[in-house]
Structures are given as C-alpha cells and as structure tokens.
N, C-alpha and C. Protein backbone atom coordinates (compact mmCIF):
# COMPACT_ATOMS: atom_id res chain seq x y z
N MET A 1 -40.16 -34.35 -29.34
CA MET A 1 -40.27 -34.87 -30.47
C MET A 1 -41.86 -35.53 -30.79
N VAL A 2 -42.56 -35.82 -31.64
CA VAL A 2 -43.12 -35.85 -32.10
C VAL A 2 -43.59 -37.54 -32.21
N ASN A 3 -42.47 -37.72 -33.37
CA ASN A 3 -42.21 -39.34 -33.40
C ASN A 3 -41.49 -39.95 -32.32
N THR A 4 -41.43 -41.33 -32.77
CA THR A 4 -41.06 -41.77 -31.58
C THR A 4 -39.47 -42.37 -32.35
N PHE A 5 -38.52 -42.67 -31.82
CA PHE A 5 -37.45 -43.31 -31.93
C PHE A 5 -37.40 -43.82 -32.81
N HIS A 6 -38.13 -45.32 -33.07
CA HIS A 6 -37.44 -46.22 -33.91
C HIS A 6 -38.19 -46.18 -35.17
N ALA A 7 -39.01 -44.78 -35.58
CA ALA A 7 -40.32 -45.35 -36.73
C ALA A 7 -39.24 -44.53 -38.00
N ARG A 8 -38.63 -44.21 -37.58
CA ARG A 8 -37.45 -43.54 -39.44
C ARG A 8 -36.03 -44.22 -39.18
N PRO A 9 -35.69 -44.59 -40.05
CA PRO A 9 -34.81 -45.04 -40.63
C PRO A 9 -33.30 -43.91 -39.46
N PRO A 10 -32.13 -44.06 -38.71
CA PRO A 10 -31.62 -43.90 -38.29
C PRO A 10 -31.00 -42.21 -39.35
N GLU A 11 -30.42 -42.58 -40.23
CA GLU A 11 -30.31 -41.11 -40.89
C GLU A 11 -31.05 -40.16 -41.48
N GLN A 12 -32.78 -40.23 -41.26
CA GLN A 12 -33.44 -39.94 -41.00
C GLN A 12 -33.95 -39.16 -40.19
N PHE A 13 -33.88 -40.09 -38.21
CA PHE A 13 -34.74 -39.69 -37.35
C PHE A 13 -33.54 -38.14 -37.03
N ILE A 14 -31.93 -38.51 -37.67
CA ILE A 14 -30.92 -37.02 -36.83
C ILE A 14 -30.89 -36.70 -37.69
N ALA A 15 -31.55 -36.70 -38.75
CA ALA A 15 -31.65 -35.52 -39.82
C ALA A 15 -32.96 -34.58 -39.53
N ASP A 16 -33.92 -35.58 -39.47
CA ASP A 16 -35.17 -34.64 -38.69
C ASP A 16 -35.11 -33.71 -36.89
N PHE A 17 -34.50 -34.44 -36.68
CA PHE A 17 -34.31 -34.54 -35.18
C PHE A 17 -33.08 -32.98 -34.88
N PHE A 18 -31.92 -33.26 -35.42
CA PHE A 18 -31.36 -31.35 -35.37
C PHE A 18 -31.68 -30.16 -36.35
N THR A 19 -32.69 -30.27 -37.47
CA THR A 19 -33.41 -29.97 -38.23
C THR A 19 -34.71 -29.32 -37.80
N THR A 20 -35.79 -30.27 -37.26
CA THR A 20 -36.40 -29.43 -36.31
C THR A 20 -36.24 -28.50 -35.06
N PHE A 21 -35.59 -28.80 -34.79
CA PHE A 21 -34.98 -28.42 -33.23
C PHE A 21 -34.64 -26.23 -33.83
N THR A 22 -33.28 -26.80 -34.65
CA THR A 22 -32.24 -26.06 -35.05
C THR A 22 -34.24 -24.71 -35.31
N ASN A 23 -34.39 -25.43 -36.54
CA ASN A 23 -35.40 -24.60 -37.10
C ASN A 23 -36.28 -24.00 -35.63
N ALA A 24 -36.68 -24.22 -35.27
CA ALA A 24 -37.77 -23.82 -33.88
C ALA A 24 -36.93 -22.88 -33.11
N VAL A 25 -35.39 -23.29 -33.10
CA VAL A 25 -34.72 -21.83 -31.82
C VAL A 25 -34.52 -20.77 -33.46
N VAL A 26 -33.93 -20.72 -34.47
CA VAL A 26 -34.51 -19.66 -34.92
C VAL A 26 -35.66 -19.28 -35.77
N HIS A 27 -36.60 -19.64 -35.53
CA HIS A 27 -37.41 -19.60 -36.53
C HIS A 27 -38.57 -19.47 -35.04
N GLY A 28 -38.39 -19.84 -34.53
CA GLY A 28 -39.69 -19.46 -33.76
C GLY A 28 -39.46 -18.22 -32.17
N SER A 29 -40.32 -17.89 -31.32
CA SER A 29 -40.29 -17.19 -30.66
C SER A 29 -40.55 -18.23 -29.03
N GLU A 30 -40.57 -19.62 -28.78
CA GLU A 30 -40.93 -19.86 -27.45
C GLU A 30 -39.72 -19.96 -27.04
N ASP A 31 -39.95 -19.89 -25.62
CA ASP A 31 -38.83 -19.83 -24.42
C ASP A 31 -37.66 -20.96 -25.36
N ALA A 32 -36.46 -20.20 -24.65
CA ALA A 32 -35.41 -21.49 -24.93
C ALA A 32 -35.84 -23.02 -24.12
N SER A 33 -35.88 -22.74 -22.49
CA SER A 33 -35.98 -24.31 -22.18
C SER A 33 -37.61 -24.67 -22.27
N ASP A 34 -37.93 -24.21 -22.72
CA ASP A 34 -39.41 -24.80 -23.64
C ASP A 34 -39.34 -25.89 -24.00
N LEU A 35 -39.17 -25.35 -25.59
CA LEU A 35 -38.42 -25.63 -27.05
C LEU A 35 -37.63 -26.63 -25.89
N MET A 36 -36.61 -26.19 -25.46
CA MET A 36 -35.44 -27.60 -25.19
C MET A 36 -35.92 -29.17 -24.67
N SER A 37 -37.41 -28.94 -23.69
CA SER A 37 -38.09 -29.88 -23.20
C SER A 37 -38.47 -30.67 -24.47
N ARG A 38 -39.13 -30.09 -25.16
CA ARG A 38 -39.02 -30.91 -26.53
C ARG A 38 -38.72 -32.21 -27.19
N TYR A 39 -36.95 -31.74 -26.80
CA TYR A 39 -36.31 -32.24 -27.50
C TYR A 39 -35.05 -33.44 -26.51
N TYR A 40 -34.47 -32.84 -25.16
CA TYR A 40 -33.89 -33.36 -24.66
C TYR A 40 -34.29 -33.30 -23.04
N THR A 41 -34.04 -34.92 -22.10
CA THR A 41 -33.97 -35.44 -20.72
C THR A 41 -33.55 -33.60 -20.03
N ARG A 42 -34.57 -33.95 -19.43
CA ARG A 42 -33.67 -33.25 -17.93
C ARG A 42 -32.56 -32.60 -17.68
N ASP A 43 -32.42 -34.44 -17.61
CA ASP A 43 -30.81 -34.49 -16.96
C ASP A 43 -29.84 -34.93 -17.88
N VAL A 44 -30.14 -34.62 -19.64
CA VAL A 44 -29.33 -34.68 -20.93
C VAL A 44 -27.47 -34.17 -19.99
N VAL A 45 -26.75 -34.66 -20.58
CA VAL A 45 -25.53 -34.18 -20.87
C VAL A 45 -25.45 -34.48 -22.13
N GLN A 46 -24.63 -33.73 -22.49
CA GLN A 46 -23.78 -33.55 -24.04
C GLN A 46 -22.25 -32.55 -23.88
N VAL A 47 -21.50 -34.44 -24.53
CA VAL A 47 -20.11 -33.20 -24.40
C VAL A 47 -19.47 -33.10 -25.66
N ALA A 48 -19.13 -31.99 -25.70
CA ALA A 48 -18.23 -31.60 -27.50
C ALA A 48 -16.97 -31.82 -27.47
N ASP A 49 -16.23 -31.94 -28.28
CA ASP A 49 -15.08 -31.12 -27.72
C ASP A 49 -14.36 -31.15 -26.91
N GLY A 50 -14.67 -32.38 -26.01
CA GLY A 50 -14.52 -31.88 -24.02
C GLY A 50 -14.94 -31.91 -23.72
N VAL A 51 -16.23 -30.38 -24.30
CA VAL A 51 -16.37 -29.25 -23.17
C VAL A 51 -17.85 -30.49 -22.41
N ARG A 52 -18.18 -30.45 -21.73
CA ARG A 52 -19.82 -30.86 -20.81
C ARG A 52 -20.60 -29.90 -20.99
N LEU A 53 -22.05 -30.25 -21.33
CA LEU A 53 -23.25 -29.29 -21.35
C LEU A 53 -24.09 -29.47 -21.10
N ASP A 54 -24.68 -29.71 -20.08
CA ASP A 54 -25.30 -30.35 -18.87
C ASP A 54 -26.47 -28.68 -19.77
N TRP A 55 -28.40 -29.35 -18.67
CA TRP A 55 -29.53 -28.49 -19.63
C TRP A 55 -28.96 -26.87 -19.11
N ASP A 56 -28.66 -26.56 -18.25
CA ASP A 56 -28.91 -24.89 -17.70
C ASP A 56 -27.32 -24.21 -18.94
N ARG A 57 -26.26 -25.52 -19.92
CA ARG A 57 -25.37 -24.34 -19.87
C ARG A 57 -25.91 -24.88 -21.78
N LEU A 58 -27.24 -25.59 -21.70
CA LEU A 58 -27.50 -26.12 -23.36
C LEU A 58 -29.24 -24.74 -23.87
N VAL A 59 -29.52 -25.01 -22.25
CA VAL A 59 -30.58 -23.80 -22.57
C VAL A 59 -29.71 -22.31 -23.24
N ALA A 60 -29.25 -21.82 -22.23
CA ALA A 60 -27.68 -20.69 -22.26
C ALA A 60 -27.13 -21.27 -24.30
N HIS A 61 -26.59 -21.96 -24.78
CA HIS A 61 -26.32 -21.12 -26.00
C HIS A 61 -27.27 -21.79 -26.43
N LEU A 62 -28.57 -21.88 -26.63
CA LEU A 62 -29.58 -20.95 -27.47
C LEU A 62 -29.69 -19.98 -27.87
N ARG A 63 -29.68 -19.01 -26.66
CA ARG A 63 -29.34 -17.15 -26.96
C ARG A 63 -28.49 -16.86 -27.84
N PRO A 64 -27.32 -17.56 -28.34
CA PRO A 64 -26.69 -16.88 -29.54
C PRO A 64 -27.12 -16.99 -30.83
N VAL A 65 -27.35 -18.57 -30.63
CA VAL A 65 -27.58 -19.54 -31.97
C VAL A 65 -28.92 -19.05 -32.60
N ARG A 66 -30.26 -18.04 -31.26
CA ARG A 66 -31.44 -17.41 -32.06
C ARG A 66 -31.27 -16.38 -32.29
N LYS A 67 -29.79 -15.17 -32.15
CA LYS A 67 -29.57 -14.21 -32.60
C LYS A 67 -28.87 -14.41 -33.59
N ASN A 68 -28.00 -15.88 -33.86
CA ASN A 68 -26.43 -15.03 -34.84
C ASN A 68 -27.20 -15.93 -35.99
N LEU A 69 -27.28 -17.68 -36.08
CA LEU A 69 -27.48 -18.25 -37.06
C LEU A 69 -28.93 -17.61 -38.20
N ARG A 70 -28.56 -17.35 -39.76
CA ARG A 70 -29.47 -17.30 -40.21
C ARG A 70 -29.71 -18.28 -41.05
N GLU A 71 -29.15 -18.87 -41.48
CA GLU A 71 -29.02 -20.75 -42.47
C GLU A 71 -28.65 -21.75 -42.05
N PHE A 72 -28.53 -22.76 -42.29
CA PHE A 72 -28.65 -24.07 -41.85
C PHE A 72 -28.92 -24.86 -42.73
N ARG A 73 -28.29 -26.33 -43.16
CA ARG A 73 -29.09 -27.80 -43.41
C ARG A 73 -28.06 -28.57 -42.37
N PHE A 74 -28.60 -29.41 -42.06
CA PHE A 74 -27.59 -30.59 -41.92
C PHE A 74 -27.70 -31.78 -42.86
N GLU A 75 -26.21 -32.10 -42.80
CA GLU A 75 -26.43 -33.06 -44.38
C GLU A 75 -26.15 -34.59 -43.92
N VAL A 76 -26.71 -35.41 -43.57
CA VAL A 76 -26.08 -37.32 -42.85
C VAL A 76 -25.65 -37.62 -44.34
N HIS A 77 -24.36 -38.07 -42.86
CA HIS A 77 -23.66 -38.97 -44.31
C HIS A 77 -23.64 -40.54 -43.58
N GLU A 78 -24.10 -40.97 -42.71
CA GLU A 78 -24.42 -42.10 -42.45
C GLU A 78 -24.90 -42.26 -40.55
N ALA A 79 -25.87 -43.18 -40.72
CA ALA A 79 -25.97 -43.36 -39.27
C ALA A 79 -26.53 -44.62 -38.96
N PHE A 80 -26.25 -45.18 -37.32
CA PHE A 80 -26.36 -46.84 -37.55
C PHE A 80 -26.49 -46.44 -35.84
N ALA A 81 -28.59 -47.54 -35.95
CA ALA A 81 -28.82 -47.09 -34.35
C ALA A 81 -28.92 -48.83 -33.75
N VAL A 82 -28.03 -49.11 -32.46
CA VAL A 82 -28.62 -50.35 -31.84
C VAL A 82 -29.26 -50.22 -30.38
N GLY A 83 -30.42 -50.72 -30.50
CA GLY A 83 -31.08 -50.02 -28.84
C GLY A 83 -31.94 -48.74 -29.57
N ASP A 84 -31.54 -47.54 -27.88
CA ASP A 84 -31.82 -46.24 -27.57
C ASP A 84 -30.17 -45.55 -27.94
N ARG A 85 -29.23 -45.76 -28.65
CA ARG A 85 -28.72 -45.60 -29.40
C ARG A 85 -27.90 -45.10 -30.63
N ILE A 86 -27.42 -44.32 -30.82
CA ILE A 86 -27.62 -43.83 -32.23
C ILE A 86 -25.56 -43.53 -32.64
N ALA A 87 -24.83 -43.84 -33.57
CA ALA A 87 -23.27 -43.43 -33.96
C ALA A 87 -24.03 -42.40 -35.18
N THR A 88 -23.33 -41.37 -35.45
CA THR A 88 -23.64 -41.26 -37.03
C THR A 88 -22.12 -40.05 -37.23
N ARG A 89 -22.42 -40.15 -38.83
CA ARG A 89 -21.64 -38.67 -39.24
C ARG A 89 -22.52 -37.81 -39.80
N PHE A 90 -22.29 -35.84 -39.73
CA PHE A 90 -22.53 -35.23 -39.87
C PHE A 90 -22.32 -34.24 -39.93
N THR A 91 -22.05 -33.73 -41.05
CA THR A 91 -21.96 -32.05 -41.27
C THR A 91 -23.42 -31.17 -41.24
N ILE A 92 -23.34 -29.59 -40.50
CA ILE A 92 -24.23 -28.62 -40.58
C ILE A 92 -23.37 -27.81 -41.31
N HIS A 93 -24.38 -27.55 -42.40
CA HIS A 93 -23.99 -26.21 -42.85
C HIS A 93 -24.61 -25.07 -42.86
N ALA A 94 -23.42 -23.54 -42.62
CA ALA A 94 -24.83 -22.88 -41.44
C ALA A 94 -24.25 -21.58 -41.91
N ARG A 95 -24.55 -20.38 -41.67
CA ARG A 95 -24.38 -19.19 -41.96
C ARG A 95 -24.53 -17.97 -41.47
N MET A 96 -23.14 -17.40 -40.38
CA MET A 96 -23.87 -16.88 -39.75
C MET A 96 -24.92 -15.60 -39.25
N ARG A 97 -25.26 -14.51 -39.19
CA ARG A 97 -24.96 -12.90 -39.21
C ARG A 97 -24.39 -12.06 -39.97
N LYS A 98 -23.35 -12.76 -38.95
CA LYS A 98 -21.81 -12.41 -39.26
C LYS A 98 -20.81 -13.17 -40.26
N GLY A 99 -20.13 -12.59 -41.20
CA GLY A 99 -19.23 -13.95 -42.17
C GLY A 99 -19.74 -14.88 -43.12
N GLY A 100 -19.38 -15.29 -43.26
CA GLY A 100 -19.70 -16.35 -44.54
C GLY A 100 -19.54 -17.30 -44.46
N PRO A 101 -20.29 -18.74 -45.36
CA PRO A 101 -20.75 -20.06 -44.56
C PRO A 101 -19.38 -20.79 -43.90
N VAL A 102 -20.20 -21.59 -42.61
CA VAL A 102 -19.59 -22.59 -41.86
C VAL A 102 -19.90 -23.71 -42.16
N SER A 103 -19.16 -24.96 -41.99
CA SER A 103 -19.08 -26.03 -42.73
C SER A 103 -18.51 -26.32 -41.15
N THR A 104 -19.15 -27.09 -39.85
CA THR A 104 -19.07 -28.78 -39.02
C THR A 104 -19.06 -29.30 -39.36
N ARG A 105 -18.01 -30.55 -39.59
CA ARG A 105 -17.91 -31.92 -39.84
C ARG A 105 -18.51 -32.94 -38.22
N VAL A 106 -19.22 -33.47 -37.69
CA VAL A 106 -19.87 -33.90 -36.80
C VAL A 106 -19.33 -35.89 -36.10
N HIS A 107 -19.20 -35.95 -35.70
CA HIS A 107 -18.87 -37.82 -34.66
C HIS A 107 -19.79 -37.75 -33.62
N MET A 108 -20.91 -38.29 -34.36
CA MET A 108 -21.14 -38.18 -32.38
C MET A 108 -21.83 -39.95 -32.20
N PHE A 109 -21.82 -39.29 -31.11
CA PHE A 109 -22.58 -41.00 -30.31
C PHE A 109 -23.55 -40.81 -29.53
N ALA A 110 -25.23 -41.62 -29.30
CA ALA A 110 -25.72 -40.55 -28.43
C ALA A 110 -27.20 -41.83 -28.20
N GLU A 111 -27.27 -41.32 -27.11
CA GLU A 111 -28.73 -42.39 -26.28
C GLU A 111 -29.54 -41.59 -26.32
N PHE A 112 -30.99 -41.36 -26.93
CA PHE A 112 -32.36 -41.33 -27.14
C PHE A 112 -33.54 -41.89 -25.88
N THR A 113 -34.02 -40.91 -26.04
CA THR A 113 -35.62 -41.86 -24.24
C THR A 113 -36.11 -42.67 -26.35
N PRO A 114 -36.88 -43.78 -26.16
CA PRO A 114 -38.14 -44.10 -26.58
C PRO A 114 -39.07 -43.17 -27.57
N ASP A 115 -38.95 -42.23 -27.11
CA ASP A 115 -40.25 -41.13 -27.61
C ASP A 115 -39.52 -39.85 -28.02
N GLY A 116 -37.75 -40.19 -28.31
CA GLY A 116 -36.87 -39.69 -28.92
C GLY A 116 -36.07 -38.21 -28.75
N LEU A 117 -36.23 -38.66 -27.08
CA LEU A 117 -35.75 -37.28 -26.88
C LEU A 117 -33.95 -37.44 -26.33
N LEU A 118 -33.16 -36.78 -26.76
CA LEU A 118 -31.48 -36.59 -26.30
C LEU A 118 -31.07 -36.59 -25.02
N ARG A 119 -30.67 -37.54 -24.25
CA ARG A 119 -30.09 -37.87 -23.18
C ARG A 119 -28.90 -38.44 -22.66
N ARG A 120 -28.46 -37.61 -23.83
CA ARG A 120 -26.45 -38.39 -23.17
C ARG A 120 -25.76 -37.49 -25.76
N ALA A 121 -24.82 -37.11 -25.03
CA ALA A 121 -24.17 -37.36 -26.80
C ALA A 121 -22.76 -36.78 -26.38
N GLU A 122 -21.37 -37.61 -27.15
CA GLU A 122 -20.80 -37.51 -27.36
C GLU A 122 -20.20 -37.05 -28.48
N GLN A 123 -19.57 -35.44 -28.48
CA GLN A 123 -19.03 -35.54 -30.09
C GLN A 123 -18.04 -35.27 -29.84
N LEU A 124 -17.51 -35.10 -31.51
CA LEU A 124 -16.25 -34.57 -31.45
C LEU A 124 -16.61 -33.89 -33.23
N THR A 125 -15.77 -32.72 -33.59
CA THR A 125 -16.15 -32.15 -34.44
C THR A 125 -15.17 -31.16 -34.77
N LEU A 126 -15.00 -30.49 -35.90
CA LEU A 126 -14.56 -30.49 -36.42
C LEU A 126 -15.08 -29.51 -37.88
N THR A 127 -14.29 -28.16 -37.81
CA THR A 127 -14.57 -26.52 -39.13
C THR A 127 -14.50 -27.42 -40.22
N VAL A 128 -14.61 -27.25 -41.58
CA VAL A 128 -14.39 -27.73 -42.19
C VAL A 128 -14.38 -26.85 -43.73
N ALA A 129 -13.52 -26.64 -44.21
CA ALA A 129 -13.63 -25.50 -45.44
C ALA A 129 -15.17 -25.14 -46.12
N SER A 130 -15.44 -24.04 -46.29
CA SER A 130 -16.91 -23.68 -47.07
C SER A 130 -16.44 -23.44 -48.57
N VAL A 131 -16.74 -23.34 -49.62
CA VAL A 131 -17.04 -23.10 -50.41
C VAL A 131 -17.46 -22.32 -51.86
N GLU A 132 -17.56 -21.29 -51.78
CA GLU A 132 -19.46 -20.30 -52.22
C GLU A 132 -18.15 -19.57 -53.57
N PRO A 133 -19.12 -20.54 -54.39
CA PRO A 133 -19.51 -19.82 -55.99
C PRO A 133 -18.44 -18.55 -56.23
N LYS A 134 -17.73 -18.73 -56.87
CA LYS A 134 -17.19 -16.95 -57.48
C LYS A 134 -17.29 -16.88 -58.47
N GLY A 135 -17.73 -15.33 -58.80
CA GLY A 135 -18.21 -15.03 -59.93
C GLY A 135 -18.89 -15.13 -60.87
N GLY A 136 -19.81 -16.22 -60.96
CA GLY A 136 -21.22 -16.76 -61.86
C GLY A 136 -20.53 -17.68 -62.29
N GLU A 137 -19.69 -18.23 -61.27
CA GLU A 137 -20.28 -20.41 -61.32
C GLU A 137 -21.28 -20.56 -60.86
C-alpha cells in the first residue's frame, strides 16, 4: 500500500485497501504473488469462517477472482482502530461472470503493519440477498 496505516480514518483505510487491491486483481495483469506482496505480509494468516488461508492459498484464490469477478463495491459500515488492529464491519457487493449480484456481509478483526500490509485477519461472513430493480423501477 502506498499510504500508511494511520494516515486515514479506519473506515477509509479499509475501503481503500480492499478497493485498490480488488481493482488491481480484476483489472490488472500483474503476477498474483507480486500483487499480493503490495498488500499482505509473507506470513499472512487469514481465517474466514473457520478456513485458514496462508500466503499460498490466498495467491491461489486470486486466479478465480480475476477470472470471474466483473463488478464490485465495498460498503464499510464501521471500523475501529487501536494500535495496529482494526475491527470492521462491511459489505462486499459483487457481480460475477455467471449469475446475478451477490452481497456478502463481513465482520473482520485484522492486524496491519505500520505501512498498511495485512498480517492477520479473522473473518465471519454471511451472504445477504441482493435485490435488483424490476422492470424500470
């Protein structure tokens, strides 16, 4: 990340972190490992709904995201920072290559380095209904 961890309010930091990272994944051609190194530490551990992801598993996860994600938006509802840790609640609004829109609510406790790299995260997620306008609404 270009900006330091404490340079922005935590809500803005989280929105910027995930938006710029996801934009680079979806629209960029950079090698997945090189891209990851700008956002995550090499010893990263992310546990999402009980599934532990390390560096290699996160890099592997980028390939299907790059192939299938078409549109996205991160809606940060709240975030609190204490030292190098952030607790946040946000919703990912996405549209995949196949299928309609999907929204996922995320509750995350995370640890970042002073320069804004994600070191550890514990996440609970819940898919929530996405509503598309009907017939000109």
